[in-house]
N, C-alpha and C. Protein backbone atom coordinates (compact mmCIF):
# COMPACT_ATOMS: atom_id res chain seq x y z
N UNK A 1 -5.57 -57.85 74.24
CA UNK A 1 -6.34 -57.23 74.97
C UNK A 1 -7.35 -56.56 74.33
N UNK A 2 -8.82 -56.76 74.93
CA UNK A 2 -9.78 -56.05 74.42
C UNK A 2 -9.30 -54.62 74.48
N UNK A 3 -10.24 -53.97 73.19
CA UNK A 3 -9.58 -51.99 72.74
C UNK A 3 -11.14 -52.12 74.20
N UNK A 4 -10.23 -50.84 74.97
CA UNK A 4 -10.89 -50.04 75.68
C UNK A 4 -12.08 -48.88 75.38
N UNK A 5 -13.31 -49.09 76.06
CA UNK A 5 -14.34 -47.78 75.54
C UNK A 5 -14.44 -47.00 76.66
N UNK A 6 -13.95 -45.64 76.49
CA UNK A 6 -14.19 -44.42 77.51
C UNK A 6 -15.80 -43.95 77.22
N UNK A 7 -16.69 -44.08 78.00
CA UNK A 7 -18.35 -43.64 77.95
C UNK A 7 -18.02 -42.34 78.70
N UNK A 8 -18.56 -40.72 77.88
CA UNK A 8 -18.74 -40.14 78.91
C UNK A 8 -20.22 -39.74 79.12
N UNK A 9 -20.70 -39.46 80.42
CA UNK A 9 -22.19 -39.24 80.38
C UNK A 9 -22.57 -37.73 80.27
N UNK A 10 -23.48 -37.98 80.35
CA UNK A 10 -23.69 -36.12 79.78
C UNK A 10 -23.40 -34.84 80.56
N UNK A 11 -22.73 -35.52 81.64
CA UNK A 11 -22.44 -33.96 82.67
C UNK A 11 -21.43 -33.51 81.74
N UNK A 12 -20.72 -33.84 80.62
CA UNK A 12 -19.46 -33.53 80.11
C UNK A 12 -19.71 -33.23 78.73
N UNK A 13 -21.16 -33.21 77.96
CA UNK A 13 -21.54 -32.38 76.86
C UNK A 13 -21.05 -33.29 75.98
N UNK A 14 -20.95 -32.42 74.49
CA UNK A 14 -20.29 -33.50 73.85
C UNK A 14 -18.81 -32.93 73.02
N UNK A 15 -18.76 -31.30 73.64
CA UNK A 15 -17.15 -30.83 73.26
C UNK A 15 -16.19 -31.58 73.62
N UNK A 16 -15.83 -31.85 74.66
CA UNK A 16 -14.72 -32.71 75.68
C UNK A 16 -14.64 -33.90 75.08
N UNK A 17 -15.68 -35.22 74.59
CA UNK A 17 -15.11 -36.44 74.14
C UNK A 17 -14.80 -35.73 72.63
N UNK A 18 -15.54 -35.21 72.33
CA UNK A 18 -15.05 -34.86 70.62
C UNK A 18 -13.93 -34.49 70.53
N UNK A 19 -13.37 -33.77 71.08
CA UNK A 19 -11.84 -33.15 71.12
C UNK A 19 -10.85 -34.33 71.65
N UNK A 20 -11.18 -35.49 72.65
CA UNK A 20 -10.79 -36.57 72.45
C UNK A 20 -10.19 -37.11 71.34
N UNK A 21 -11.47 -37.85 70.53
CA UNK A 21 -11.76 -38.35 69.64
C UNK A 21 -10.97 -37.68 68.48
N UNK A 22 -11.14 -36.47 68.22
CA UNK A 22 -9.99 -35.99 67.44
C UNK A 22 -8.48 -36.14 67.48
N UNK A 23 -8.61 -36.09 68.88
CA UNK A 23 -7.14 -36.28 69.30
C UNK A 23 -6.13 -37.93 68.79
N UNK A 24 -7.33 -38.65 68.41
CA UNK A 24 -7.11 -40.47 68.28
C UNK A 24 -6.88 -41.00 69.90
N UNK A 25 -7.41 -40.56 70.76
CA UNK A 25 -6.97 -41.13 72.33
C UNK A 25 -7.05 -42.46 71.94
N UNK A 26 -6.31 -43.27 73.22
CA UNK A 26 -5.83 -44.64 72.94
C UNK A 26 -6.97 -46.12 73.21
N UNK A 27 -7.93 -45.20 73.26
CA UNK A 27 -9.08 -45.92 73.52
C UNK A 27 -10.21 -45.58 72.64
N UNK A 28 -11.25 -46.48 72.75
CA UNK A 28 -12.41 -45.78 71.93
C UNK A 28 -13.00 -44.39 72.74
N UNK A 29 -13.76 -43.76 72.13
CA UNK A 29 -14.31 -42.35 72.90
C UNK A 29 -15.94 -42.48 72.32
N UNK A 30 -16.42 -42.68 73.36
CA UNK A 30 -18.35 -42.90 73.22
C UNK A 30 -18.86 -41.87 74.20
N UNK A 31 -20.11 -41.24 73.82
CA UNK A 31 -20.36 -40.59 74.89
C UNK A 31 -22.52 -40.27 74.76
N UNK A 32 -22.45 -40.12 75.87
CA UNK A 32 -24.15 -39.73 75.93
C UNK A 32 -25.31 -39.78 74.80
N UNK A 33 -24.49 -38.32 74.11
CA UNK A 33 -25.32 -38.17 73.05
C UNK A 33 -25.22 -38.42 71.70
N UNK A 34 -24.03 -38.92 71.57
CA UNK A 34 -23.69 -39.62 70.23
C UNK A 34 -24.17 -41.10 70.23
N UNK A 35 -24.71 -41.98 71.52
CA UNK A 35 -25.17 -42.81 71.67
C UNK A 35 -26.24 -42.94 71.09
N UNK A 36 -27.33 -41.94 71.36
CA UNK A 36 -28.77 -41.42 71.02
C UNK A 36 -29.89 -41.52 72.42
N UNK A 37 -28.85 -41.08 73.38
CA UNK A 37 -29.40 -41.18 74.52
C UNK A 37 -30.25 -39.87 74.63
N UNK A 38 -31.52 -39.37 75.20
CA UNK A 38 -31.61 -38.23 75.25
C UNK A 38 -31.08 -37.38 76.58
N UNK A 39 -31.39 -36.11 76.48
CA UNK A 39 -30.16 -35.62 77.75
C UNK A 39 -30.86 -35.86 79.19
N UNK A 40 -32.30 -35.88 78.91
CA UNK A 40 -33.14 -36.85 80.36
C UNK A 40 -33.14 -37.78 80.70
N UNK A 41 -32.18 -38.98 79.62
CA UNK A 41 -32.78 -40.31 80.34
C UNK A 41 -31.94 -40.51 81.19
N UNK A 42 -32.88 -41.50 82.20
CA UNK A 42 -32.39 -41.64 83.60
C UNK A 42 -31.17 -42.30 83.58
N UNK A 43 -30.07 -41.93 84.20
CA UNK A 43 -28.56 -42.70 84.39
C UNK A 43 -29.02 -44.38 84.35
N UNK A 44 -29.87 -44.86 85.30
CA UNK A 44 -29.69 -46.26 85.37
C UNK A 44 -30.37 -47.00 84.37
N UNK A 45 -31.66 -46.38 83.15
CA UNK A 45 -31.46 -46.43 81.87
C UNK A 45 -30.40 -46.69 81.26
N UNK A 46 -29.87 -45.82 80.78
CA UNK A 46 -28.46 -45.78 80.12
C UNK A 46 -27.48 -46.91 80.32
N UNK A 47 -27.70 -46.81 81.90
CA UNK A 47 -26.03 -47.77 82.28
C UNK A 47 -26.90 -49.27 82.22
N UNK A 48 -28.15 -49.56 81.89
CA UNK A 48 -28.59 -50.59 81.41
C UNK A 48 -28.08 -51.09 80.57
N UNK A 49 -27.81 -50.53 79.47
CA UNK A 49 -27.57 -50.51 77.95
C UNK A 49 -25.78 -50.44 78.00
N UNK A 50 -25.00 -49.67 78.65
CA UNK A 50 -23.57 -49.14 78.72
C UNK A 50 -22.99 -50.06 79.37
N UNK A 51 -23.59 -50.81 80.31
CA UNK A 51 -22.75 -51.97 81.23
C UNK A 51 -22.91 -53.18 80.89
N UNK A 52 -23.62 -53.69 80.66
CA UNK A 52 -23.28 -54.91 79.30
C UNK A 52 -22.24 -54.97 78.81
N UNK A 53 -22.30 -53.44 77.67
CA UNK A 53 -20.87 -53.44 76.82
C UNK A 53 -19.79 -53.02 77.27
N UNK A 54 -19.70 -53.21 79.20
CA UNK A 54 -18.29 -53.01 79.66
C UNK A 54 -17.71 -51.85 79.39
N UNK A 55 -18.22 -50.75 78.66
CA UNK A 55 -17.57 -49.74 78.84
C UNK A 55 -17.16 -48.87 80.07
N UNK A 56 -16.00 -47.84 80.04
CA UNK A 56 -15.54 -47.92 81.16
C UNK A 56 -16.42 -45.92 81.44
N UNK A 57 -17.19 -46.54 82.33
CA UNK A 57 -18.18 -44.78 82.55
C UNK A 57 -17.29 -43.62 83.18
N UNK A 58 -17.28 -42.51 82.54
CA UNK A 58 -16.72 -41.49 83.18
C UNK A 58 -17.79 -40.58 83.37
N UNK A 59 -17.82 -40.01 84.71
CA UNK A 59 -19.01 -38.68 85.12
C UNK A 59 -18.16 -38.07 86.07
N UNK A 60 -18.91 -36.54 85.93
CA UNK A 60 -19.04 -36.15 86.85
C UNK A 60 -19.93 -36.00 87.84
N UNK A 61 -21.05 -36.70 87.90
CA UNK A 61 -22.13 -36.72 88.65
C UNK A 61 -21.88 -37.13 90.37
N UNK A 62 -20.90 -38.20 90.87
CA UNK A 62 -20.32 -38.41 91.61
C UNK A 62 -21.63 -38.64 93.09
N UNK A 63 -22.57 -39.61 91.89
CA UNK A 63 -23.55 -40.04 93.21
C UNK A 63 -24.39 -41.19 92.63
N UNK A 64 -23.52 -41.82 91.83
CA UNK A 64 -23.96 -43.44 91.28
C UNK A 64 -24.07 -44.38 92.66
N UNK A 65 -23.17 -44.13 93.57
CA UNK A 65 -23.02 -45.03 94.71
C UNK A 65 -23.94 -44.76 95.62
N UNK A 66 -24.67 -43.76 95.87
CA UNK A 66 -25.89 -43.12 96.41
C UNK A 66 -27.37 -43.26 95.95
N UNK A 67 -27.47 -43.80 94.92
CA UNK A 67 -28.46 -44.24 94.55
C UNK A 67 -29.35 -45.16 94.38
N UNK A 68 -30.32 -45.80 94.81
CA UNK A 68 -30.09 -47.26 94.72
C UNK A 68 -30.25 -47.91 93.27
N UNK A 69 -31.16 -47.03 92.21
CA UNK A 69 -31.28 -47.69 91.17
C UNK A 69 -29.65 -47.51 90.26
N UNK A 70 -29.00 -46.72 90.33
CA UNK A 70 -27.58 -46.58 89.86
C UNK A 70 -26.83 -47.19 90.03
N UNK A 71 -26.83 -47.49 91.81
CA UNK A 71 -26.35 -48.51 92.50
C UNK A 71 -26.46 -50.15 91.72
N UNK A 72 -27.57 -50.66 91.59
CA UNK A 72 -28.15 -51.31 90.94
C UNK A 72 -27.22 -51.83 90.09
N UNK A 73 -27.48 -50.96 88.90
CA UNK A 73 -26.65 -51.04 87.48
C UNK A 73 -25.38 -51.17 87.65
N UNK A 74 -24.84 -50.59 88.28
CA UNK A 74 -23.26 -50.64 88.71
C UNK A 74 -23.02 -51.58 89.28
N UNK A 75 -23.62 -52.27 89.97
CA UNK A 75 -23.10 -53.79 90.65
C UNK A 75 -23.42 -55.14 89.59
N UNK A 76 -24.76 -54.67 89.24
CA UNK A 76 -25.68 -55.86 88.12
C UNK A 76 -24.91 -56.29 86.71
N UNK A 77 -23.90 -55.12 86.64
CA UNK A 77 -23.15 -55.14 85.28
C UNK A 77 -21.75 -55.12 85.35
N UNK A 78 -21.39 -55.05 87.18
CA UNK A 78 -20.16 -54.92 87.25
C UNK A 78 -19.11 -54.17 86.31
N UNK A 79 -19.51 -52.72 86.31
CA UNK A 79 -19.43 -51.85 85.85
C UNK A 79 -18.20 -51.21 86.73
N UNK A 80 -17.32 -50.36 85.83
CA UNK A 80 -15.98 -49.66 85.88
C UNK A 80 -16.12 -48.13 86.09
N UNK A 81 -16.23 -47.22 87.17
CA UNK A 81 -16.74 -46.16 86.72
C UNK A 81 -15.87 -45.13 87.76
N UNK A 82 -15.74 -43.94 86.81
CA UNK A 82 -14.82 -43.17 87.53
C UNK A 82 -15.26 -41.73 87.50
N UNK A 83 -15.20 -40.77 88.70
CA UNK A 83 -15.79 -39.60 88.84
C UNK A 83 -14.49 -38.93 88.70
N UNK A 84 -15.12 -37.99 87.77
CA UNK A 84 -14.11 -36.48 87.43
C UNK A 84 -14.25 -35.29 88.07
N UNK A 85 -13.47 -34.78 88.54
CA UNK A 85 -14.00 -33.13 89.08
C UNK A 85 -15.06 -32.50 88.39
N UNK A 86 -15.91 -32.01 89.02
CA UNK A 86 -16.62 -31.05 87.95
C UNK A 86 -15.99 -29.59 87.76
N UNK A 87 -15.60 -29.37 86.91
CA UNK A 87 -14.53 -27.92 86.72
C UNK A 87 -14.57 -27.44 85.34
N UNK A 88 -14.04 -26.23 85.13
CA UNK A 88 -13.86 -26.20 83.79
C UNK A 88 -13.56 -27.03 82.52
N UNK A 89 -14.30 -26.70 81.26
CA UNK A 89 -13.63 -27.70 80.38
C UNK A 89 -12.70 -28.09 80.08
N UNK A 90 -11.50 -27.20 79.73
CA UNK A 90 -10.07 -27.25 79.73
C UNK A 90 -9.36 -27.75 80.73
N UNK A 91 -9.49 -27.52 82.13
CA UNK A 91 -9.36 -27.99 83.19
C UNK A 91 -9.20 -29.40 83.20
N UNK A 92 -10.33 -29.94 83.09
CA UNK A 92 -11.29 -31.35 82.89
C UNK A 92 -10.24 -32.17 81.93
N UNK A 93 -10.41 -31.58 80.80
CA UNK A 93 -9.49 -32.16 79.63
C UNK A 93 -8.21 -32.54 80.04
N UNK A 94 -7.30 -31.20 80.50
CA UNK A 94 -6.07 -31.67 81.31
C UNK A 94 -5.97 -33.02 82.11
N UNK A 95 -6.88 -32.70 83.29
CA UNK A 95 -7.20 -34.05 83.87
C UNK A 95 -7.09 -35.06 83.17
N UNK A 96 -8.08 -35.32 82.41
CA UNK A 96 -8.40 -36.72 81.92
C UNK A 96 -7.15 -36.95 80.92
N UNK A 97 -6.62 -36.22 80.18
CA UNK A 97 -5.17 -36.62 79.54
C UNK A 97 -3.91 -37.25 80.18
N UNK A 98 -4.02 -36.34 81.17
CA UNK A 98 -3.04 -36.60 82.04
C UNK A 98 -3.04 -37.89 82.88
N UNK A 99 -4.31 -38.21 83.26
CA UNK A 99 -4.82 -39.81 84.12
C UNK A 99 -5.14 -40.89 83.14
N UNK A 100 -5.53 -40.51 81.92
CA UNK A 100 -5.67 -41.40 80.97
C UNK A 100 -5.33 -42.97 81.30
N UNK A 101 -4.21 -42.86 81.47
CA UNK A 101 -3.13 -44.40 81.63
C UNK A 101 -3.89 -45.00 83.22
N UNK A 102 -3.65 -44.10 83.99
CA UNK A 102 -4.00 -44.22 85.18
C UNK A 102 -5.42 -45.19 84.94
N UNK A 103 -6.73 -44.20 84.73
CA UNK A 103 -7.96 -44.99 84.32
C UNK A 103 -7.91 -46.51 83.95
N UNK A 104 -7.14 -46.40 82.45
CA UNK A 104 -6.98 -47.80 81.93
C UNK A 104 -6.11 -48.71 82.58
N UNK A 105 -5.25 -48.62 83.37
CA UNK A 105 -4.91 -49.53 84.40
C UNK A 105 -6.08 -49.93 85.41
N UNK A 106 -6.16 -49.03 86.05
CA UNK A 106 -7.36 -49.51 87.10
C UNK A 106 -8.49 -50.13 86.51
N UNK A 107 -8.92 -49.23 85.06
CA UNK A 107 -9.95 -50.58 84.58
C UNK A 107 -9.92 -51.98 84.74
N UNK A 108 -8.30 -52.12 83.83
CA UNK A 108 -7.86 -53.49 83.48
C UNK A 108 -7.70 -54.33 84.78
N UNK A 109 -6.86 -53.38 85.81
CA UNK A 109 -6.77 -54.38 87.14
C UNK A 109 -8.24 -55.04 88.09
N UNK A 110 -9.26 -54.47 87.48
CA UNK A 110 -10.46 -54.63 88.45
C UNK A 110 -11.37 -54.98 87.80
N UNK A 111 -11.73 -55.87 88.18
CA UNK A 111 -13.29 -56.75 87.59
C UNK A 111 -14.43 -56.32 87.40
N UNK A 112 -14.61 -55.06 88.74
CA UNK A 112 -15.98 -54.46 89.10
C UNK A 112 -16.93 -55.58 89.62
N UNK A 113 -17.74 -54.97 90.24
CA UNK A 113 -18.07 -53.62 90.20
C UNK A 113 -17.14 -52.36 90.95
N UNK A 114 -16.76 -51.40 90.27
CA UNK A 114 -15.67 -50.54 91.14
C UNK A 114 -15.78 -48.96 90.51
N UNK A 115 -16.16 -47.67 91.53
CA UNK A 115 -15.99 -46.63 91.25
C UNK A 115 -14.98 -46.33 92.36
N UNK A 116 -14.27 -45.28 91.21
CA UNK A 116 -13.21 -44.55 91.56
C UNK A 116 -13.72 -43.12 91.43
N UNK A 117 -12.82 -42.41 92.30
CA UNK A 117 -13.04 -40.41 92.66
C UNK A 117 -11.72 -40.13 92.38
N UNK A 118 -11.46 -38.89 91.74
CA UNK A 118 -10.25 -38.32 91.53
C UNK A 118 -10.63 -37.14 92.45
N UNK A 119 -9.60 -37.46 93.19
CA UNK A 119 -9.53 -35.91 94.08
C UNK A 119 -8.49 -34.86 94.16
N UNK A 120 -8.64 -33.87 94.78
CA UNK A 120 -7.61 -32.74 94.48
C UNK A 120 -6.52 -32.97 93.89
N UNK A 121 -5.58 -33.99 94.51
CA UNK A 121 -4.26 -34.09 94.20
C UNK A 121 -4.21 -35.29 92.79
N UNK A 122 -5.29 -35.04 92.42
CA UNK A 122 -5.78 -35.81 90.99
C UNK A 122 -5.24 -37.33 91.14
N UNK A 123 -5.29 -37.79 92.58
CA UNK A 123 -5.15 -39.47 92.40
C UNK A 123 -6.59 -40.18 92.18
N UNK A 124 -6.87 -41.26 92.31
CA UNK A 124 -7.83 -41.76 92.42
C UNK A 124 -8.05 -42.74 93.59
N UNK A 125 -9.32 -42.85 93.82
CA UNK A 125 -9.47 -43.51 95.41
C UNK A 125 -10.55 -44.10 95.54
N UNK A 126 -10.80 -45.67 95.59
CA UNK A 126 -12.12 -46.39 95.66
C UNK A 126 -12.81 -45.83 96.05
N UNK A 127 -14.17 -46.20 95.90
CA UNK A 127 -15.61 -45.15 96.44
C UNK A 127 -16.29 -46.65 97.19
N UNK A 128 -16.82 -46.69 98.48
CA UNK A 128 -16.83 -47.85 99.10
C UNK A 128 -18.63 -48.24 98.48
N UNK A 129 -18.73 -49.26 97.75
CA UNK A 129 -19.98 -49.37 97.38
C UNK A 129 -20.84 -50.03 98.48
N UNK A 130 -21.75 -49.66 98.79
CA UNK A 130 -22.73 -50.21 100.06
C UNK A 130 -23.38 -51.63 99.91
């Protein structure tokens, strides 16, 4: 099976993905800043680079399915996206580590385009794409 790649958008900063990288995460870890994207790069621009690579996109943005340009990129590239809660770094790290296997399972089981959102109960629910 192909190696999965987690791509963390700019909402996570650099420390969380670097921590995952240092812990030898069971998937490859990439992030916005390390891939050379400027902080103000519009989402649809980097999505049109990351999408064709079939990387699993992780964000705290929670709006890609609501904006036409981001939604088009998600659909066009059959992207697999996961929204995590926007909370403190430690809790976010704990949520991701405890749910990374579920993310990988959902990513492998769905062809895309798909967007899942983690709710307060730490379960992932599909977001209806218009």
